[in-house]
Structure formats: structure tokens, C-alpha cells
Amino acid sequence: MEAVVAPSFPRLEEPAPAFKARTTHGERSLEGYREQESFS
């Protein structure tokens, strides 16, 4: 039997994991937000 590893949230001061998500405004990723100068 294999051990199941539950995902965890990043702790304070740790970088967030990379992700991609499909939204109503198209595909978004953390890297895409990092590339923007503002989050507007």
C-alpha cells in the first residue's frame, strides 16, 4: 500500500507553488501575475 501525501499550503515567507487555472477570462498562472507591473 502506498502512502498518500496530502497537499499543504505554503507557509509564511515561502514562495507559492506555480499553478495554471482556467478562468472565464482565459488561462491564468502565477507567473503571468509576476510578470505584470500592477495587479489591476
C-alpha atoms as a PDB file:
ATOM      1  CA  MET A   1       0.000   0.000   0.000  1.00  0.00           C
ATOM      2  CA  GLU A   2       1.367   3.406  -0.979  1.00  0.00           C
ATOM      3  CA  ALA A   3       1.433   6.323   1.434  1.00  0.00           C
ATOM      4  CA  VAL A   4      -0.876   9.184   0.497  1.00  0.00           C
ATOM      5  CA  VAL A   5       0.677  12.629   0.775  1.00  0.00           C
ATOM      6  CA  ALA A   6      -1.843  15.405   1.376  1.00  0.00           C
ATOM      7  CA  PRO A   7      -1.115  18.741  -0.336  1.00  0.00           C
ATOM      8  CA  SER A   8      -0.320  21.607   2.010  1.00  0.00           C
ATOM      9  CA  PHE A   9      -0.444  25.358   1.790  1.00  0.00           C
ATOM     10  CA  PRO A  10       2.833  27.270   1.628  1.00  0.00           C
ATOM     11  CA  ARG A  11       3.993  28.596   4.966  1.00  0.00           C
ATOM     12  CA  LEU A  12       4.664  32.260   5.615  1.00  0.00           C
ATOM     13  CA  GLU A  13       7.732  33.565   3.813  1.00  0.00           C
ATOM     14  CA  GLU A  14       7.809  30.548   1.460  1.00  0.00           C
ATOM     15  CA  PRO A  15       7.227  31.051  -2.262  1.00  0.00           C
ATOM     16  CA  ALA A  16       3.854  29.999  -3.622  1.00  0.00           C
ATOM     17  CA  PRO A  17       3.856  26.967  -5.923  1.00  0.00           C
ATOM     18  CA  ALA A  18       3.456  27.511  -9.654  1.00  0.00           C
ATOM     19  CA  PHE A  19      -0.056  26.944 -10.965  1.00  0.00           C
ATOM     20  CA  LYS A  20      -2.254  27.346 -14.022  1.00  0.00           C
ATOM     21  CA  ALA A  21      -6.022  27.746 -13.814  1.00  0.00           C
ATOM     22  CA  ARG A  22      -8.703  28.064 -16.464  1.00  0.00           C
ATOM     23  CA  THR A  23     -10.962  31.046 -15.741  1.00  0.00           C
ATOM     24  CA  THR A  24     -13.745  32.899 -17.531  1.00  0.00           C
ATOM     25  CA  HIS A  25     -11.021  35.322 -18.681  1.00  0.00           C
ATOM     26  CA  GLY A  26      -8.800  32.585 -20.124  1.00  0.00           C
ATOM     27  CA  GLU A  27      -5.932  30.639 -18.633  1.00  0.00           C
ATOM     28  CA  ARG A  28      -4.157  32.344 -15.731  1.00  0.00           C
ATOM     29  CA  SER A  29      -0.923  31.451 -13.996  1.00  0.00           C
ATOM     30  CA  LEU A  30       1.068  32.764 -11.069  1.00  0.00           C
ATOM     31  CA  GLU A  31       3.947  33.507 -13.413  1.00  0.00           C
ATOM     32  CA  GLY A  32       1.639  35.686 -15.528  1.00  0.00           C
ATOM     33  CA  TYR A  33       0.863  37.855 -12.498  1.00  0.00           C
ATOM     34  CA  ARG A  34       4.525  38.062 -11.532  1.00  0.00           C
ATOM     35  CA  GLU A  35       5.317  39.425 -14.998  1.00  0.00           C
ATOM     36  CA  GLN A  36       2.778  42.264 -14.662  1.00  0.00           C
ATOM     37  CA  GLU A  37       3.853  45.534 -13.076  1.00  0.00           C
ATOM     38  CA  SER A  38       0.489  46.032 -11.369  1.00  0.00           C
ATOM     39  CA  PHE A  39      -2.354  43.715 -10.450  1.00  0.00           C
ATOM     40  CA  SER A  40      -5.140  45.905 -11.857  1.00  0.00           C
END
